[in-house]
Amino acid sequence: MDLLKTVLSPPIRTLHRRGKERLLLAVLCLSVFVIASCASGKVRETGPAPEESAQAGNSDAPGVSETRPPKEEPTRAGDAGALGGVSEASPAPEAAAQPGNSAVQEEPSEPGLDEDFLGEDFFDEELEEEIRVYDPLEPFNRTMFWVNDKLYFYIFKPVARVVRIVPEPARESVSNFFTHLATPVRFVNSLLQFKFKDASVEASRFVVNTTVGVGGLFDVARKEGYPAKEEDFGQTLGVYGLGPGVYIVWPVIGPSTLRDTAGLAADSFLDLVPYITDDFGVYVGVEALDRVNELSLDKDTYEGVKRDALDPYLFIRNAYMQNRKGIIAK
């Protein structure tokens, strides 16, 4: 229950960015080994027995406390006046509307609201959403999640904090430049989804930001009311009805699915960086710069998840799947 309540916290910004890595081909080869070596079987989480929360006199038990007085007590002669005529024996309707008695009348309704709305309907719906995630590789995914967690705290985030020495407007210009380079991915996928208006916006953005925006360093089109659309081939496959498939956590790349992994591989052919340079080391350095720069602009979102979520793996998994579902539905 504590885990599911964390869904009420503000949604985290997705840690997954569009993949432009040629290293994805090697990762795909790794998936063959993973599927062959990892035994299926999800990690089952067991909570406390429901009887424990219903024990009488246990003030620490979770859920709605059952400390209401017995229903027969308000019908006693000395209690009818104390409750302001709430009992059926009071003939005067104005007694229930007295200012001093309104709080007593509302008190028993509040626990019922929490129990019915938040305790049952809301959390059951969230649980159903969680069950829909197909995660047969959870042992492997949790291992990769742990690897990425260590890479984040011991390598990427310390470097990002050093990069924060650079003024934020300069780092935003770097982010604008990489967003500008991803224009072919957004343009082609907008066409494939028959979003011709969005495709024309992307084409106009590319022309305006290349010229007026000094090669994409300044997002002039966004200031004029034409922001970049979030489009990729994984989303295109989803629009055509292909399901997400197996949930996968890749090293460095982060959360993904079988469908989105195929989308990353397809989008890599629209990446402009390999067409600019054939040096693989330069390509890796450019991609690393993009990731570290984005982390430097991030307001420690992942740290908040680690601090507040009971199980960060489940929280990020559900947030990623819900985010992708929402993007495809647009």
C-alpha atoms as a PDB file:
ATOM      1  CA  MET A   1       0.000   0.000   0.000  1.00  0.00           C
ATOM      2  CA  ASP A   2       2.880   2.385   0.788  1.00  0.00           C
ATOM      3  CA  LEU A   3       4.368   1.704  -2.607  1.00  0.00           C
ATOM      4  CA  LEU A   4       1.159   2.429  -4.436  1.00  0.00           C
ATOM      5  CA  LYS A   5       0.613   5.652  -2.510  1.00  0.00           C
ATOM      6  CA  THR A   6       3.824   7.010  -3.954  1.00  0.00           C
ATOM      7  CA  VAL A   7       2.071   7.195  -7.317  1.00  0.00           C
ATOM      8  CA  LEU A   8       0.312  10.240  -5.917  1.00  0.00           C
ATOM      9  CA  SER A   9       3.577  12.145  -5.854  1.00  0.00           C
ATOM     10  CA  PRO A  10       4.307  14.463  -8.788  1.00  0.00           C
ATOM     11  CA  PRO A  11       5.257  12.483 -11.858  1.00  0.00           C
ATOM     12  CA  ILE A  12       8.882  12.317 -12.505  1.00  0.00           C
ATOM     13  CA  ARG A  13      10.306  13.504 -15.643  1.00  0.00           C
ATOM     14  CA  THR A  14      11.149  10.478 -17.769  1.00  0.00           C
ATOM     15  CA  LEU A  15      14.735   9.413 -17.605  1.00  0.00           C
ATOM     16  CA  HIS A  16      14.520   7.812 -21.040  1.00  0.00           C
ATOM     17  CA  ARG A  17      15.738   9.932 -23.994  1.00  0.00           C
ATOM     18  CA  ARG A  18      15.669   9.089 -27.623  1.00  0.00           C
ATOM     19  CA  GLY A  19      18.383   6.637 -28.391  1.00  0.00           C
ATOM     20  CA  LYS A  20      20.801   7.578 -31.032  1.00  0.00           C
ATOM     21  CA  GLU A  21      23.469   5.106 -30.048  1.00  0.00           C
ATOM     22  CA  ARG A  22      25.026   2.797 -32.536  1.00  0.00           C
ATOM     23  CA  LEU A  23      25.997   0.788 -29.460  1.00  0.00           C
ATOM     24  CA  LEU A  24      22.409  -0.441 -29.484  1.00  0.00           C
ATOM     25  CA  LEU A  25      23.394  -3.142 -31.964  1.00  0.00           C
ATOM     26  CA  ALA A  26      25.701  -4.648 -29.369  1.00  0.00           C
ATOM     27  CA  VAL A  27      22.970  -4.344 -26.742  1.00  0.00           C
ATOM     28  CA  LEU A  28      20.566  -6.236 -28.974  1.00  0.00           C
ATOM     29  CA  CYS A  29      23.054  -9.076 -29.141  1.00  0.00           C
ATOM     30  CA  LEU A  30      23.188  -9.027 -25.371  1.00  0.00           C
ATOM     31  CA  SER A  31      19.416  -9.502 -25.225  1.00  0.00           C
ATOM     32  CA  VAL A  32      19.744 -12.901 -26.891  1.00  0.00           C
ATOM     33  CA  PHE A  33      21.996 -14.032 -24.062  1.00  0.00           C
ATOM     34  CA  VAL A  34      19.679 -12.548 -21.454  1.00  0.00           C
ATOM     35  CA  ILE A  35      16.559 -14.262 -22.763  1.00  0.00           C
ATOM     36  CA  ALA A  36      18.395 -17.564 -22.947  1.00  0.00           C
ATOM     37  CA  SER A  37      19.977 -17.336 -19.490  1.00  0.00           C
ATOM     38  CA  CYS A  38      17.391 -15.646 -17.293  1.00  0.00           C
ATOM     39  CA  ALA A  39      14.706 -17.861 -15.875  1.00  0.00           C
ATOM     40  CA  SER A  40      11.252 -16.467 -16.008  1.00  0.00           C
ATOM     41  CA  GLY A  41       9.517 -15.828 -12.758  1.00  0.00           C
ATOM     42  CA  LYS A  42       8.731 -12.536 -11.255  1.00  0.00           C
ATOM     43  CA  VAL A  43       9.740 -11.417  -7.808  1.00  0.00           C
ATOM     44  CA  ARG A  44       6.647 -11.676  -5.690  1.00  0.00           C
ATOM     45  CA  GLU A  45       6.204  -9.164  -2.979  1.00  0.00           C
ATOM     46  CA  THR A  46       4.272 -10.106   0.102  1.00  0.00           C
ATOM     47  CA  GLY A  47       2.698  -7.556   2.393  1.00  0.00           C
ATOM     48  CA  PRO A  48       1.509  -7.837   5.964  1.00  0.00           C
ATOM     49  CA  ALA A  49      -1.411 -10.077   6.703  1.00  0.00           C
ATOM     50  CA  PRO A  50      -4.729  -8.274   6.432  1.00  0.00           C
ATOM     51  CA  GLU A  51      -5.695  -9.503   9.907  1.00  0.00           C
ATOM     52  CA  GLU A  52      -2.925  -7.454  11.474  1.00  0.00           C
ATOM     53  CA  SER A  53      -4.485  -4.170  10.406  1.00  0.00           C
ATOM     54  CA  ALA A  54      -7.807  -5.181  11.909  1.00  0.00           C
ATOM     55  CA  GLN A  55      -6.612  -6.049  15.417  1.00  0.00           C
ATOM     56  CA  ALA A  56      -8.445  -4.154  18.118  1.00  0.00           C
ATOM     57  CA  GLY A  57      -6.442  -1.548  20.010  1.00  0.00           C
ATOM     58  CA  ASN A  58      -3.542  -1.513  17.511  1.00  0.00           C
ATOM     59  CA  SER A  59      -3.068   2.188  16.843  1.00  0.00           C
ATOM     60  CA  ASP A  60      -0.071   1.583  14.535  1.00  0.00           C
ATOM     61  CA  ALA A  61      -1.984  -0.627  12.095  1.00  0.00           C
ATOM     62  CA  PRO A  62      -2.261   0.905   8.596  1.00  0.00           C
ATOM     63  CA  GLY A  63      -5.519   1.869   6.987  1.00  0.00           C
ATOM     64  CA  VAL A  64      -8.644   3.346   8.480  1.00  0.00           C
ATOM     65  CA  SER A  65      -8.827   2.951  12.211  1.00  0.00           C
ATOM     66  CA  GLU A  66     -11.951   1.364  13.577  1.00  0.00           C
ATOM     67  CA  THR A  67     -12.356   3.503  16.718  1.00  0.00           C
ATOM     68  CA  ARG A  68     -15.903   4.703  16.138  1.00  0.00           C
ATOM     69  CA  PRO A  69     -18.285   4.391  19.096  1.00  0.00           C
ATOM     70  CA  PRO A  70     -20.916   1.637  18.909  1.00  0.00           C
ATOM     71  CA  LYS A  71     -24.015   2.658  16.999  1.00  0.00           C
ATOM     72  CA  GLU A  72     -26.289   1.956  19.984  1.00  0.00           C
ATOM     73  CA  GLU A  73     -24.559   4.536  22.192  1.00  0.00           C
ATOM     74  CA  PRO A  74     -26.060   7.652  20.490  1.00  0.00           C
ATOM     75  CA  THR A  75     -29.527   6.305  21.308  1.00  0.00           C
ATOM     76  CA  ARG A  76     -28.934   6.553  25.074  1.00  0.00           C
ATOM     77  CA  ALA A  77     -30.692   9.322  26.913  1.00  0.00           C
ATOM     78  CA  GLY A  78     -27.548  11.174  27.905  1.00  0.00           C
ATOM     79  CA  ASP A  79     -25.892  10.962  24.454  1.00  0.00           C
ATOM     80  CA  ALA A  80     -28.628  12.361  22.213  1.00  0.00           C
ATOM     81  CA  GLY A  81     -28.022  15.895  23.356  1.00  0.00           C
ATOM     82  CA  ALA A  82     -24.246  15.547  23.155  1.00  0.00           C
ATOM     83  CA  LEU A  83     -24.448  14.565  19.491  1.00  0.00           C
ATOM     84  CA  GLY A  84     -26.682  17.455  18.619  1.00  0.00           C
ATOM     85  CA  GLY A  85     -29.713  15.383  17.675  1.00  0.00           C
ATOM     86  CA  VAL A  86     -27.960  13.099  15.211  1.00  0.00           C
ATOM     87  CA  SER A  87     -29.905  10.107  16.487  1.00  0.00           C
ATOM     88  CA  GLU A  88     -33.300   9.234  15.074  1.00  0.00           C
ATOM     89  CA  ALA A  89     -34.981  10.019  18.435  1.00  0.00           C
ATOM     90  CA  SER A  90     -34.469  13.775  17.966  1.00  0.00           C
ATOM     91  CA  PRO A  91     -37.499  15.360  16.324  1.00  0.00           C
ATOM     92  CA  ALA A  92     -35.992  18.845  15.832  1.00  0.00           C
ATOM     93  CA  PRO A  93     -34.232  19.136  12.421  1.00  0.00           C
ATOM     94  CA  GLU A  94     -32.560  22.411  13.351  1.00  0.00           C
ATOM     95  CA  ALA A  95     -30.534  20.684  16.078  1.00  0.00           C
ATOM     96  CA  ALA A  96     -28.438  18.831  13.495  1.00  0.00           C
ATOM     97  CA  ALA A  97     -27.552  22.126  11.825  1.00  0.00           C
ATOM     98  CA  GLN A  98     -26.094  23.766  14.912  1.00  0.00           C
ATOM     99  CA  PRO A  99     -22.541  25.086  14.380  1.00  0.00           C
ATOM    100  CA  GLY A 100     -21.130  23.120  17.283  1.00  0.00           C
ATOM    101  CA  ASN A 101     -22.531  19.831  16.000  1.00  0.00           C
ATOM    102  CA  SER A 102     -21.527  19.986  12.331  1.00  0.00           C
ATOM    103  CA  ALA A 103     -18.004  18.764  13.054  1.00  0.00           C
ATOM    104  CA  VAL A 104     -19.354  15.791  14.989  1.00  0.00           C
ATOM    105  CA  GLN A 105     -21.680  14.916  12.118  1.00  0.00           C
ATOM    106  CA  GLU A 106     -18.900  15.048   9.465  1.00  0.00           C
ATOM    107  CA  GLU A 107     -16.379  13.050  11.510  1.00  0.00           C
ATOM    108  CA  PRO A 108     -17.630   9.540  10.663  1.00  0.00           C
ATOM    109  CA  SER A 109     -17.888  10.372   6.936  1.00  0.00           C
ATOM    110  CA  GLU A 110     -14.200  11.193   6.456  1.00  0.00           C
ATOM    111  CA  PRO A 111     -12.807   7.700   7.133  1.00  0.00           C
ATOM    112  CA  GLY A 112     -15.399   6.250   4.784  1.00  0.00           C
ATOM    113  CA  LEU A 113     -14.254   8.585   1.996  1.00  0.00           C
ATOM    114  CA  ASP A 114     -10.596   7.669   2.443  1.00  0.00           C
ATOM    115  CA  GLU A 115     -11.362   3.970   2.572  1.00  0.00           C
ATOM    116  CA  ASP A 116     -13.660   3.884  -0.435  1.00  0.00           C
ATOM    117  CA  PHE A 117     -12.005   6.396  -2.726  1.00  0.00           C
ATOM    118  CA  LEU A 118      -8.310   6.110  -1.903  1.00  0.00           C
ATOM    119  CA  GLY A 119      -8.110   2.805  -0.093  1.00  0.00           C
ATOM    120  CA  GLU A 120     -10.036   0.666  -2.589  1.00  0.00           C
ATOM    121  CA  ASP A 121     -11.076   2.206  -5.905  1.00  0.00           C
ATOM    122  CA  PHE A 122      -7.999   4.322  -6.537  1.00  0.00           C
ATOM    123  CA  PHE A 123      -5.307   1.891  -5.510  1.00  0.00           C
ATOM    124  CA  ASP A 124      -7.024  -1.093  -7.114  1.00  0.00           C
ATOM    125  CA  GLU A 125      -6.965   0.791 -10.415  1.00  0.00           C
ATOM    126  CA  GLU A 126      -3.275   1.513 -10.029  1.00  0.00           C
ATOM    127  CA  LEU A 127      -2.626  -2.119  -9.194  1.00  0.00           C
ATOM    128  CA  GLU A 128      -4.359  -3.182 -12.391  1.00  0.00           C
ATOM    129  CA  GLU A 129      -2.116  -0.836 -14.347  1.00  0.00           C
ATOM    130  CA  GLU A 130       0.919  -2.418 -12.705  1.00  0.00           C
ATOM    131  CA  ILE A 131      -0.231  -5.952 -13.550  1.00  0.00           C
ATOM    132  CA  ARG A 132      -0.438  -5.060 -17.241  1.00  0.00           C
ATOM    133  CA  VAL A 133       3.344  -4.585 -17.395  1.00  0.00           C
ATOM    134  CA  TYR A 134       4.886  -7.724 -18.884  1.00  0.00           C
ATOM    135  CA  ASP A 135       8.121  -8.126 -16.966  1.00  0.00           C
ATOM    136  CA  PRO A 136       9.347 -11.738 -17.209  1.00  0.00           C
ATOM    137  CA  LEU A 137      12.978 -10.523 -17.111  1.00  0.00           C
ATOM    138  CA  GLU A 138      12.574  -8.774 -13.756  1.00  0.00           C
ATOM    139  CA  PRO A 139      15.671 -10.394 -12.181  1.00  0.00           C
ATOM    140  CA  PHE A 140      17.836  -9.192 -15.061  1.00  0.00           C
ATOM    141  CA  ASN A 141      16.077  -5.809 -15.151  1.00  0.00           C
ATOM    142  CA  ARG A 142      16.645  -5.243 -11.444  1.00  0.00           C
ATOM    143  CA  THR A 143      20.321  -6.058 -11.937  1.00  0.00           C
ATOM    144  CA  MET A 144      20.600  -3.540 -14.763  1.00  0.00           C
ATOM    145  CA  PHE A 145      18.666  -1.031 -12.677  1.00  0.00           C
ATOM    146  CA  TRP A 146      21.234  -1.482  -9.917  1.00  0.00           C
ATOM    147  CA  VAL A 147      24.091  -1.033 -12.433  1.00  0.00           C
ATOM    148  CA  ASN A 148      22.548   2.152 -13.825  1.00  0.00           C
ATOM    149  CA  ASP A 149      21.960   3.407 -10.293  1.00  0.00           C
ATOM    150  CA  LYS A 150      25.664   3.057  -9.469  1.00  0.00           C
ATOM    151  CA  LEU A 151      26.706   4.615 -12.784  1.00  0.00           C
ATOM    152  CA  TYR A 152      24.396   7.533 -12.060  1.00  0.00           C
ATOM    153  CA  PHE A 153      25.625   8.288  -8.554  1.00  0.00           C
ATOM    154  CA  TYR A 154      29.324   7.541  -9.034  1.00  0.00           C
ATOM    155  CA  ILE A 155      29.980   8.737 -12.597  1.00  0.00           C
ATOM    156  CA  PHE A 156      27.269  10.643 -14.451  1.00  0.00           C
ATOM    157  CA  LYS A 157      25.873  12.820 -11.679  1.00  0.00           C
ATOM    158  CA  PRO A 158      29.278  13.921 -10.310  1.00  0.00           C
ATOM    159  CA  VAL A 159      30.336  14.894 -13.831  1.00  0.00           C
ATOM    160  CA  ALA A 160      27.008  16.686 -14.332  1.00  0.00           C
ATOM    161  CA  ARG A 161      27.580  18.694 -11.149  1.00  0.00           C
ATOM    162  CA  VAL A 162      30.939  19.802 -12.499  1.00  0.00           C
ATOM    163  CA  VAL A 163      29.285  20.776 -15.789  1.00  0.00           C
ATOM    164  CA  ARG A 164      26.897  22.982 -13.794  1.00  0.00           C
ATOM    165  CA  ILE A 165      29.776  25.403 -13.439  1.00  0.00           C
ATOM    166  CA  VAL A 166      28.951  26.414 -17.003  1.00  0.00           C
ATOM    167  CA  PRO A 167      26.187  29.050 -17.033  1.00  0.00           C
ATOM    168  CA  GLU A 168      22.753  27.560 -17.538  1.00  0.00           C
ATOM    169  CA  PRO A 169      21.966  29.544 -20.740  1.00  0.00           C
ATOM    170  CA  ALA A 170      25.027  27.975 -22.366  1.00  0.00           C
ATOM    171  CA  ARG A 171      23.940  24.480 -21.306  1.00  0.00           C
ATOM    172  CA  GLU A 172      20.439  25.174 -22.620  1.00  0.00           C
ATOM    173  CA  SER A 173      21.973  26.116 -25.974  1.00  0.00           C
ATOM    174  CA  VAL A 174      23.775  22.762 -26.043  1.00  0.00           C
ATOM    175  CA  SER A 175      20.466  21.024 -25.316  1.00  0.00           C
ATOM    176  CA  ASN A 176      18.798  23.023 -28.095  1.00  0.00           C
ATOM    177  CA  PHE A 177      21.536  21.934 -30.508  1.00  0.00           C
ATOM    178  CA  PHE A 178      20.997  18.224 -29.830  1.00  0.00           C
ATOM    179  CA  THR A 179      17.229  18.695 -30.077  1.00  0.00           C
ATOM    180  CA  HIS A 180      17.853  20.352 -33.427  1.00  0.00           C
ATOM    181  CA  LEU A 181      19.914  17.373 -34.625  1.00  0.00           C
ATOM    182  CA  ALA A 182      17.001  15.045 -33.801  1.00  0.00           C
ATOM    183  CA  THR A 183      14.672  16.863 -36.212  1.00  0.00           C
ATOM    184  CA  PRO A 184      14.801  14.092 -38.886  1.00  0.00           C
ATOM    185  CA  VAL A 185      13.571  11.546 -36.314  1.00  0.00           C
ATOM    186  CA  ARG A 186      10.586  13.695 -35.367  1.00  0.00           C
ATOM    187  CA  PHE A 187       9.836  14.709 -38.964  1.00  0.00           C
ATOM    188  CA  VAL A 188       9.851  11.184 -40.438  1.00  0.00           C
ATOM    189  CA  ASN A 189       7.831   9.671 -37.601  1.00  0.00           C
ATOM    190  CA  SER A 190       5.270  12.473 -37.820  1.00  0.00           C
ATOM    191  CA  LEU A 191       4.804  11.586 -41.486  1.00  0.00           C
ATOM    192  CA  LEU A 192       4.520   7.878 -40.696  1.00  0.00           C
ATOM    193  CA  GLN A 193       1.782   8.678 -38.163  1.00  0.00           C
ATOM    194  CA  PHE A 194      -0.015  10.895 -40.689  1.00  0.00           C
ATOM    195  CA  LYS A 195       0.542  13.948 -38.514  1.00  0.00           C
ATOM    196  CA  PHE A 196       1.212  16.191 -41.467  1.00  0.00           C
ATOM    197  CA  LYS A 197       0.735  19.402 -39.497  1.00  0.00           C
ATOM    198  CA  ASP A 198       3.353  18.319 -36.971  1.00  0.00           C
ATOM    199  CA  ALA A 199       5.681  17.337 -39.821  1.00  0.00           C
ATOM    200  CA  SER A 200       5.336  20.783 -41.380  1.00  0.00           C
ATOM    201  CA  VAL A 201       6.030  22.368 -37.989  1.00  0.00           C
ATOM    202  CA  GLU A 202       9.219  20.301 -37.647  1.00  0.00           C
ATOM    203  CA  ALA A 203      10.362  21.314 -41.135  1.00  0.00           C
ATOM    204  CA  SER A 204       9.693  24.979 -40.353  1.00  0.00           C
ATOM    205  CA  ARG A 205      11.471  24.678 -37.020  1.00  0.00           C
ATOM    206  CA  PHE A 206      14.538  23.239 -38.711  1.00  0.00           C
ATOM    207  CA  VAL A 207      14.752  26.101 -41.202  1.00  0.00           C
ATOM    208  CA  VAL A 208      14.128  28.843 -38.637  1.00  0.00           C
ATOM    209  CA  ASN A 209      16.443  27.465 -35.966  1.00  0.00           C
ATOM    210  CA  THR A 210      19.202  26.696 -38.465  1.00  0.00           C
ATOM    211  CA  THR A 211      19.214  30.261 -39.759  1.00  0.00           C
ATOM    212  CA  VAL A 212      17.901  32.637 -37.100  1.00  0.00           C
ATOM    213  CA  GLY A 213      18.774  30.252 -34.271  1.00  0.00           C
ATOM    214  CA  VAL A 214      22.451  30.029 -35.281  1.00  0.00           C
ATOM    215  CA  GLY A 215      22.582  26.365 -36.201  1.00  0.00           C
ATOM    216  CA  GLY A 216      20.070  25.334 -33.578  1.00  0.00           C
ATOM    217  CA  LEU A 217      21.817  26.861 -30.555  1.00  0.00           C
ATOM    218  CA  PHE A 218      18.730  28.998 -29.930  1.00  0.00           C
ATOM    219  CA  ASP A 219      15.210  27.601 -30.166  1.00  0.00           C
ATOM    220  CA  VAL A 220      13.613  30.611 -31.813  1.00  0.00           C
ATOM    221  CA  ALA A 221      10.673  28.566 -33.109  1.00  0.00           C
ATOM    222  CA  ARG A 222       9.707  27.504 -29.584  1.00  0.00           C
ATOM    223  CA  LYS A 223       9.614  31.114 -28.454  1.00  0.00           C
ATOM    224  CA  GLU A 224       7.254  31.822 -31.339  1.00  0.00           C
ATOM    225  CA  GLY A 225       4.875  29.110 -30.162  1.00  0.00           C
ATOM    226  CA  TYR A 226       6.139  26.107 -32.154  1.00  0.00           C
ATOM    227  CA  PRO A 227       7.757  23.651 -29.711  1.00  0.00           C
ATOM    228  CA  ALA A 228       9.297  20.372 -30.814  1.00  0.00           C
ATOM    229  CA  LYS A 229       7.012  17.336 -30.829  1.00  0.00           C
ATOM    230  CA  GLU A 230       8.045  14.155 -29.047  1.00  0.00           C
ATOM    231  CA  GLU A 231       8.023  11.532 -31.804  1.00  0.00           C
ATOM    232  CA  ASP A 232      10.024   8.339 -32.327  1.00  0.00           C
ATOM    233  CA  PHE A 233       9.653   5.050 -34.163  1.00  0.00           C
ATOM    234  CA  GLY A 234       8.646   3.161 -31.026  1.00  0.00           C
ATOM    235  CA  GLN A 235       5.731   5.560 -30.732  1.00  0.00           C
ATOM    236  CA  THR A 236       4.936   5.041 -34.413  1.00  0.00           C
ATOM    237  CA  LEU A 237       4.770   1.281 -33.897  1.00  0.00           C
ATOM    238  CA  GLY A 238       2.440   1.862 -30.958  1.00  0.00           C
ATOM    239  CA  VAL A 239       0.165   4.060 -33.063  1.00  0.00           C
ATOM    240  CA  TYR A 240      -0.129   1.212 -35.561  1.00  0.00           C
ATOM    241  CA  GLY A 241      -1.288  -1.086 -32.768  1.00  0.00           C
ATOM    242  CA  LEU A 242       1.895  -2.926 -31.800  1.00  0.00           C
ATOM    243  CA  GLY A 243       2.025  -3.620 -28.073  1.00  0.00           C
ATOM    244  CA  PRO A 244       5.019  -2.754 -25.896  1.00  0.00           C
ATOM    245  CA  GLY A 245       6.053  -6.362 -25.391  1.00  0.00           C
ATOM    246  CA  VAL A 246       8.625  -7.323 -22.787  1.00  0.00           C
ATOM    247  CA  TYR A 247       9.817  -4.607 -20.417  1.00  0.00           C
ATOM    248  CA  ILE A 248      13.618  -4.272 -20.564  1.00  0.00           C
ATOM    249  CA  VAL A 249      16.152  -2.164 -18.659  1.00  0.00           C
ATOM    250  CA  TRP A 250      19.310  -1.594 -20.709  1.00  0.00           C
ATOM    251  CA  PRO A 251      22.637  -0.489 -19.232  1.00  0.00           C
ATOM    252  CA  VAL A 252      23.174   3.275 -19.628  1.00  0.00           C
ATOM    253  CA  ILE A 253      20.080   3.627 -21.853  1.00  0.00           C
ATOM    254  CA  GLY A 254      17.666   2.821 -19.035  1.00  0.00           C
ATOM    255  CA  PRO A 255      14.029   1.633 -19.168  1.00  0.00           C
ATOM    256  CA  SER A 256      12.609   0.442 -22.462  1.00  0.00           C
ATOM    257  CA  THR A 257      10.442  -2.247 -24.019  1.00  0.00           C
ATOM    258  CA  LEU A 258      10.919  -4.659 -26.891  1.00  0.00           C
ATOM    259  CA  ARG A 259       8.939  -2.315 -29.130  1.00  0.00           C
ATOM    260  CA  ASP A 260      10.833   0.794 -28.052  1.00  0.00           C
ATOM    261  CA  THR A 261      14.172  -1.003 -28.402  1.00  0.00           C
ATOM    262  CA  ALA A 262      13.345  -1.748 -32.025  1.00  0.00           C
ATOM    263  CA  GLY A 263      12.325   1.888 -32.363  1.00  0.00           C
ATOM    264  CA  LEU A 264      15.686   3.066 -31.018  1.00  0.00           C
ATOM    265  CA  ALA A 265      17.506   0.910 -33.555  1.00  0.00           C
ATOM    266  CA  ALA A 266      15.400   2.316 -36.403  1.00  0.00           C
ATOM    267  CA  ASP A 267      15.776   5.928 -35.246  1.00  0.00           C
ATOM    268  CA  SER A 268      19.569   5.539 -35.112  1.00  0.00           C
ATOM    269  CA  PHE A 269      19.628   5.540 -38.929  1.00  0.00           C
ATOM    270  CA  LEU A 270      18.124   9.042 -38.847  1.00  0.00           C
ATOM    271  CA  ASP A 271      20.787  10.306 -36.455  1.00  0.00           C
ATOM    272  CA  LEU A 272      22.822  13.062 -38.088  1.00  0.00           C
ATOM    273  CA  VAL A 273      25.980  12.610 -35.994  1.00  0.00           C
ATOM    274  CA  PRO A 274      27.275   9.469 -37.800  1.00  0.00           C
ATOM    275  CA  TYR A 275      26.837  11.308 -41.098  1.00  0.00           C
ATOM    276  CA  ILE A 276      28.979  14.167 -39.821  1.00  0.00           C
ATOM    277  CA  THR A 277      31.866  12.059 -38.513  1.00  0.00           C
ATOM    278  CA  ASP A 278      33.007   8.464 -39.033  1.00  0.00           C
ATOM    279  CA  ASP A 279      35.104   8.427 -35.870  1.00  0.00           C
ATOM    280  CA  PHE A 280      33.395   6.113 -33.377  1.00  0.00           C
ATOM    281  CA  GLY A 281      35.209   7.738 -30.445  1.00  0.00           C
ATOM    282  CA  VAL A 282      33.911  11.161 -31.457  1.00  0.00           C
ATOM    283  CA  TYR A 283      30.407   9.747 -31.766  1.00  0.00           C
ATOM    284  CA  VAL A 284      30.513   8.251 -28.269  1.00  0.00           C
ATOM    285  CA  GLY A 285      31.901  11.509 -26.881  1.00  0.00           C
ATOM    286  CA  VAL A 286      29.106  13.524 -28.496  1.00  0.00           C
ATOM    287  CA  GLU A 287      26.451  11.193 -27.096  1.00  0.00           C
ATOM    288  CA  ALA A 288      28.041  11.327 -23.640  1.00  0.00           C
ATOM    289  CA  LEU A 289      28.053  15.119 -23.796  1.00  0.00           C
ATOM    290  CA  ASP A 290      24.356  15.105 -24.625  1.00  0.00           C
ATOM    291  CA  ARG A 291      23.498  12.852 -21.674  1.00  0.00           C
ATOM    292  CA  VAL A 292      25.675  14.662 -19.139  1.00  0.00           C
ATOM    293  CA  ASN A 293      24.372  18.046 -20.260  1.00  0.00           C
ATOM    294  CA  GLU A 294      20.784  16.890 -19.791  1.00  0.00           C
ATOM    295  CA  LEU A 295      21.620  15.637 -16.299  1.00  0.00           C
ATOM    296  CA  SER A 296      23.163  19.005 -15.468  1.00  0.00           C
ATOM    297  CA  LEU A 297      19.842  20.675 -16.338  1.00  0.00           C
ATOM    298  CA  ASP A 298      17.840  18.147 -14.335  1.00  0.00           C
ATOM    299  CA  LYS A 299      16.738  19.184 -10.841  1.00  0.00           C
ATOM    300  CA  ASP A 300      17.769  15.931  -9.126  1.00  0.00           C
ATOM    301  CA  THR A 301      14.568  14.123 -10.087  1.00  0.00           C
ATOM    302  CA  TYR A 302      16.015  10.658  -9.603  1.00  0.00           C
ATOM    303  CA  GLU A 303      17.224  11.530  -6.114  1.00  0.00           C
ATOM    304  CA  GLY A 304      13.643  12.397  -5.207  1.00  0.00           C
ATOM    305  CA  VAL A 305      12.437   9.034  -6.470  1.00  0.00           C
ATOM    306  CA  LYS A 306      15.079   7.195  -4.453  1.00  0.00           C
ATOM    307  CA  ARG A 307      14.101   9.149  -1.354  1.00  0.00           C
ATOM    308  CA  ASP A 308      10.308   8.842  -1.591  1.00  0.00           C
ATOM    309  CA  ALA A 309       9.588   5.576  -3.391  1.00  0.00           C
ATOM    310  CA  LEU A 310       9.395   2.356  -1.428  1.00  0.00           C
ATOM    311  CA  ASP A 311      10.597   0.435  -4.522  1.00  0.00           C
ATOM    312  CA  PRO A 312      12.253   2.789  -7.047  1.00  0.00           C
ATOM    313  CA  TYR A 313      12.394   0.023  -9.664  1.00  0.00           C
ATOM    314  CA  LEU A 314       8.612  -0.423  -9.677  1.00  0.00           C
ATOM    315  CA  PHE A 315       8.009   3.316  -9.504  1.00  0.00           C
ATOM    316  CA  ILE A 316      10.178   4.075 -12.552  1.00  0.00           C
ATOM    317  CA  ARG A 317       8.839   1.059 -14.442  1.00  0.00           C
ATOM    318  CA  ASN A 318       5.226   2.156 -13.964  1.00  0.00           C
ATOM    319  CA  ALA A 319       6.028   5.807 -14.660  1.00  0.00           C
ATOM    320  CA  TYR A 320       7.810   4.875 -17.892  1.00  0.00           C
ATOM    321  CA  MET A 321       4.984   2.654 -19.126  1.00  0.00           C
ATOM    322  CA  GLN A 322       2.304   5.218 -18.278  1.00  0.00           C
ATOM    323  CA  ASN A 323       4.301   7.990 -19.941  1.00  0.00           C
ATOM    324  CA  ARG A 324       4.746   6.005 -23.158  1.00  0.00           C
ATOM    325  CA  LYS A 325       1.072   5.065 -23.166  1.00  0.00           C
ATOM    326  CA  GLY A 326       0.094   8.715 -22.786  1.00  0.00           C
ATOM    327  CA  ILE A 327       2.419   9.859 -25.589  1.00  0.00           C
ATOM    328  CA  ILE A 328       1.082   7.247 -28.008  1.00  0.00           C
ATOM    329  CA  ALA A 329      -2.511   8.186 -27.173  1.00  0.00           C
ATOM    330  CA  LYS A 330      -1.953  11.815 -28.209  1.00  0.00           C
END
